[in-house]
Amino acid sequence: MGTRPKILAFAGSLRENSYTKRVVQIALRGAENAGADVTFIDLRDFPMPLYDADDEEKTGLPENALRFQELLARHDGFLIGSPEYNGSISGALKNAIDWASRSGGPFKRSDIFTGKFAAIMTASPGSFGGVRALSHLRGVLMSVGVNVLSTECAVSFAGSKFDGDSEALTDETMKASLEKLGASLAEMLQKMRCKPESRLGTSN
């Protein structure tokens, strides 16, 4: 049981029933089927003020930033989705990562991000599927030390590929791609666990 990799899954959209949250839910099932333990969280449950270094100096990290850090530290990898807002990632997601990267609390960046692995995805009603956000998300994650899988998923015309507000994706090919993305992350983490020098497993 203790050898199963732990994955934290979340989306950068705060909207209830957002497409991005739904594609993350599909990807996480692929990770679970590949042998990972996955925890899904909603960033709506972790409201944080806009990052301000002056505020951090005066009062330290906000309670929800510390809670988010703790969750990140306890997991080996991440399934992350972001909507595309004006060609980039959501402000809520960037702000959460900015707060989590701070070392003013009980965790160091090496506990939270460094050397861990992530798989990224997006969804949009438009023809590009939100893909422009992924290059920005990849850059942000790599800057804090996360290894991002080269494979990524962008679901275009998402409004026509879901059964109403449900999580059911009617496009079987895209569903398989998302599940495979989740499985790929789980398999990568399992491979890393088999290496003697691997840093994974410290969260158990």
Protein backbone atom coordinates (compact mmCIF):
# COMPACT_ATOMS: atom_id res chain seq x y z
CA MET A 1 0.00 0.00 0.00
CA GLY A 2 2.80 2.43 0.90
CA THR A 3 4.44 2.02 -2.48
CA ARG A 4 1.56 3.56 -4.43
CA PRO A 5 2.46 7.02 -5.76
CA LYS A 6 0.37 9.89 -4.47
CA ILE A 7 -0.99 12.45 -6.93
CA LEU A 8 -2.70 15.75 -6.19
CA ALA A 9 -5.19 16.83 -8.88
CA PHE A 10 -6.63 20.32 -9.28
CA ALA A 11 -7.76 22.87 -11.85
CA GLY A 12 -7.10 26.58 -12.18
CA SER A 13 -10.75 27.40 -12.85
CA LEU A 14 -12.91 28.51 -9.94
CA ARG A 15 -16.16 28.08 -11.84
CA GLU A 16 -18.40 25.26 -10.71
CA ASN A 17 -18.60 22.48 -13.32
CA SER A 18 -15.86 24.10 -15.40
CA TYR A 19 -14.60 22.14 -18.39
CA THR A 20 -11.11 22.17 -16.93
CA LYS A 21 -12.22 20.57 -13.68
CA ARG A 22 -14.02 17.90 -15.65
CA VAL A 23 -11.03 16.95 -17.80
CA VAL A 24 -8.87 16.70 -14.68
CA GLN A 25 -11.44 14.31 -13.20
CA ILE A 26 -11.15 12.12 -16.29
CA ALA A 27 -7.35 12.13 -16.22
CA LEU A 28 -7.29 11.22 -12.55
CA ARG A 29 -9.30 8.07 -13.23
CA GLY A 30 -6.58 7.00 -15.63
CA ALA A 31 -3.99 7.59 -12.91
CA GLU A 32 -6.01 5.59 -10.39
CA ASN A 33 -6.42 2.72 -12.83
CA ALA A 34 -2.64 2.75 -13.30
CA GLY A 35 -2.06 2.28 -9.57
CA ALA A 36 -1.87 5.76 -8.06
CA ASP A 37 -3.72 7.22 -5.09
CA VAL A 38 -5.24 10.50 -6.29
CA THR A 39 -6.64 13.37 -4.23
CA PHE A 40 -8.76 15.96 -6.05
CA ILE A 41 -9.09 19.44 -4.58
CA ASP A 42 -10.96 22.56 -5.66
CA LEU A 43 -9.04 25.85 -5.44
CA ARG A 44 -12.32 27.49 -4.41
CA ASP A 45 -11.73 25.83 -1.05
CA PHE A 46 -8.35 27.56 -0.73
CA PRO A 47 -9.04 31.28 -1.28
CA MET A 48 -5.85 33.34 -1.05
CA PRO A 49 -5.20 37.07 -1.34
CA LEU A 50 -3.14 38.30 -4.26
CA TYR A 51 0.49 37.69 -3.47
CA ASP A 52 2.10 40.74 -1.89
CA ALA A 53 5.63 40.50 -0.47
CA ASP A 54 4.85 43.26 2.04
CA ASP A 55 1.89 41.29 3.40
CA GLU A 56 4.02 38.15 3.58
CA GLU A 57 6.69 40.01 5.54
CA LYS A 58 4.13 41.42 7.99
CA THR A 59 1.90 38.42 8.61
CA GLY A 60 3.57 35.42 6.98
CA LEU A 61 1.81 32.98 4.69
CA PRO A 62 -2.02 32.93 4.77
CA GLU A 63 -3.64 29.89 6.35
CA ASN A 64 -4.93 28.59 3.00
CA ALA A 65 -1.50 28.95 1.40
CA LEU A 66 -0.07 26.81 4.20
CA ARG A 67 -2.84 24.24 3.73
CA PHE A 68 -2.13 24.15 0.00
CA GLN A 69 1.61 23.80 0.62
CA GLU A 70 1.01 20.89 2.96
CA LEU A 71 -1.05 19.05 0.36
CA LEU A 72 1.56 19.64 -2.33
CA ALA A 73 4.32 18.44 -0.01
CA ARG A 74 2.47 15.22 0.80
CA HIS A 75 2.10 14.20 -2.85
CA ASP A 76 4.63 12.90 -5.34
CA GLY A 77 3.09 14.36 -8.48
CA PHE A 78 0.36 16.62 -9.82
CA LEU A 79 -2.42 16.53 -12.39
CA ILE A 80 -3.09 20.18 -13.21
CA GLY A 81 -5.59 21.77 -15.55
CA SER A 82 -5.88 25.43 -16.45
CA PRO A 83 -8.42 27.31 -18.50
CA GLU A 84 -7.05 29.78 -21.02
CA TYR A 85 -7.67 33.37 -20.00
CA ASN A 86 -6.53 35.87 -22.62
CA GLY A 87 -3.92 33.49 -23.95
CA SER A 88 -2.48 32.46 -20.58
CA ILE A 89 -3.23 30.55 -17.38
CA SER A 90 -5.79 31.68 -14.84
CA GLY A 91 -4.86 34.25 -12.23
CA ALA A 92 -6.14 31.98 -9.46
CA LEU A 93 -3.76 29.19 -10.49
CA LYS A 94 -0.74 31.47 -10.87
CA ASN A 95 -1.45 33.11 -7.51
CA ALA A 96 -1.76 29.73 -5.78
CA ILE A 97 1.56 28.59 -7.22
CA ASP A 98 3.19 31.90 -6.26
CA TRP A 99 2.09 31.50 -2.64
CA ALA A 100 3.01 27.81 -2.54
CA SER A 101 6.52 28.55 -3.77
CA ARG A 102 7.28 30.75 -0.76
CA SER A 103 9.49 29.30 1.99
CA GLY A 104 8.17 31.34 4.90
CA GLY A 105 6.23 28.42 6.35
CA PRO A 106 7.28 24.98 7.63
CA PHE A 107 8.07 23.68 4.13
CA LYS A 108 10.96 24.32 1.79
CA ARG A 109 10.46 24.53 -1.98
CA SER A 110 12.24 21.18 -2.23
CA ASP A 111 9.43 19.67 -0.14
CA ILE A 112 6.74 21.19 -2.31
CA PHE A 113 7.84 21.27 -5.94
CA THR A 114 11.48 20.40 -6.66
CA GLY A 115 11.99 17.18 -8.57
CA LYS A 116 8.32 16.22 -8.64
CA PHE A 117 6.38 15.41 -11.80
CA ALA A 118 3.22 16.90 -13.31
CA ALA A 119 0.90 16.28 -16.23
CA ILE A 120 -1.01 19.27 -17.60
CA MET A 121 -4.24 19.72 -19.53
CA THR A 122 -6.84 22.27 -20.56
CA ALA A 123 -10.23 22.59 -22.23
CA SER A 124 -12.00 25.37 -24.10
CA PRO A 125 -15.14 25.93 -26.15
CA GLY A 126 -12.90 27.31 -28.89
CA SER A 127 -10.99 25.61 -31.69
CA PHE A 128 -7.57 25.81 -30.01
CA GLY A 129 -8.76 24.03 -26.89
CA GLY A 130 -6.90 26.40 -24.58
CA VAL A 131 -3.51 25.13 -25.76
CA ARG A 132 -1.85 28.55 -25.46
CA ALA A 133 -2.25 28.35 -21.69
CA LEU A 134 -0.29 25.12 -21.49
CA SER A 135 3.02 26.56 -22.64
CA HIS A 136 2.71 29.23 -19.93
CA LEU A 137 1.75 26.67 -17.29
CA ARG A 138 4.67 24.48 -18.31
CA GLY A 139 7.05 27.42 -17.92
CA VAL A 140 5.71 28.35 -14.49
CA LEU A 141 5.95 24.79 -13.18
CA MET A 142 9.43 24.26 -14.55
CA SER A 143 10.57 27.52 -12.93
CA VAL A 144 9.70 26.11 -9.49
CA GLY A 145 11.45 22.82 -10.20
CA VAL A 146 8.64 20.56 -11.41
CA ASN A 147 9.30 18.08 -14.21
CA VAL A 148 6.40 18.38 -16.66
CA LEU A 149 5.57 15.42 -18.91
CA SER A 150 6.07 16.22 -22.59
CA THR A 151 2.62 14.85 -23.42
CA GLU A 152 -0.29 17.20 -22.70
CA CYS A 153 -3.99 17.38 -23.56
CA ALA A 154 -6.11 20.27 -24.87
CA VAL A 155 -9.82 19.61 -25.41
CA SER A 156 -11.20 21.87 -28.13
CA PHE A 157 -14.92 22.59 -28.69
CA ALA A 158 -15.48 21.32 -25.16
CA GLY A 159 -19.09 22.48 -25.10
CA SER A 160 -20.04 19.85 -27.67
CA LYS A 161 -17.98 17.05 -26.11
CA PHE A 162 -19.62 16.80 -22.70
CA ASP A 163 -23.04 15.46 -21.84
CA GLY A 164 -24.49 18.67 -20.43
CA ASP A 165 -23.01 19.56 -17.03
CA SER A 166 -21.94 16.00 -16.29
CA GLU A 167 -18.38 14.69 -16.27
CA ALA A 168 -19.20 12.31 -19.12
CA LEU A 169 -17.04 13.09 -22.14
CA THR A 170 -18.78 11.97 -25.34
CA ASP A 171 -15.58 12.09 -27.42
CA GLU A 172 -14.14 8.63 -26.74
CA THR A 173 -10.81 9.41 -28.40
CA MET A 174 -10.21 12.45 -26.21
CA LYS A 175 -11.41 10.56 -23.14
CA ALA A 176 -8.83 7.87 -23.85
CA SER A 177 -6.12 10.52 -24.32
CA LEU A 178 -6.91 12.12 -20.95
CA GLU A 179 -6.96 8.78 -19.18
CA LYS A 180 -3.67 7.86 -20.83
CA LEU A 181 -2.17 11.16 -19.67
CA GLY A 182 -3.12 10.37 -16.08
CA ALA A 183 -1.79 6.84 -16.43
CA SER A 184 1.48 8.15 -17.86
CA LEU A 185 2.04 10.29 -14.78
CA ALA A 186 1.31 7.37 -12.46
CA GLU A 187 3.68 5.13 -14.42
CA MET A 188 6.44 7.74 -14.35
CA LEU A 189 6.12 8.09 -10.58
CA GLN A 190 6.22 4.32 -10.16
CA LYS A 191 9.42 4.17 -12.23
CA MET A 192 10.99 6.89 -10.12
CA ARG A 193 10.10 5.01 -6.95
CA CYS A 194 12.13 2.05 -8.21
CA LYS A 195 15.31 4.15 -8.45
CA PRO A 196 17.45 4.12 -5.29
CA GLU A 197 18.23 7.84 -5.63
CA SER A 198 14.57 8.77 -6.10
CA ARG A 199 13.21 11.50 -3.81
CA LEU A 200 9.68 10.07 -4.07
CA GLY A 201 8.17 8.35 -1.10
CA THR A 202 9.22 10.98 1.42
CA SER A 203 5.58 11.99 1.83
CA ASN A 204 4.46 8.58 3.08
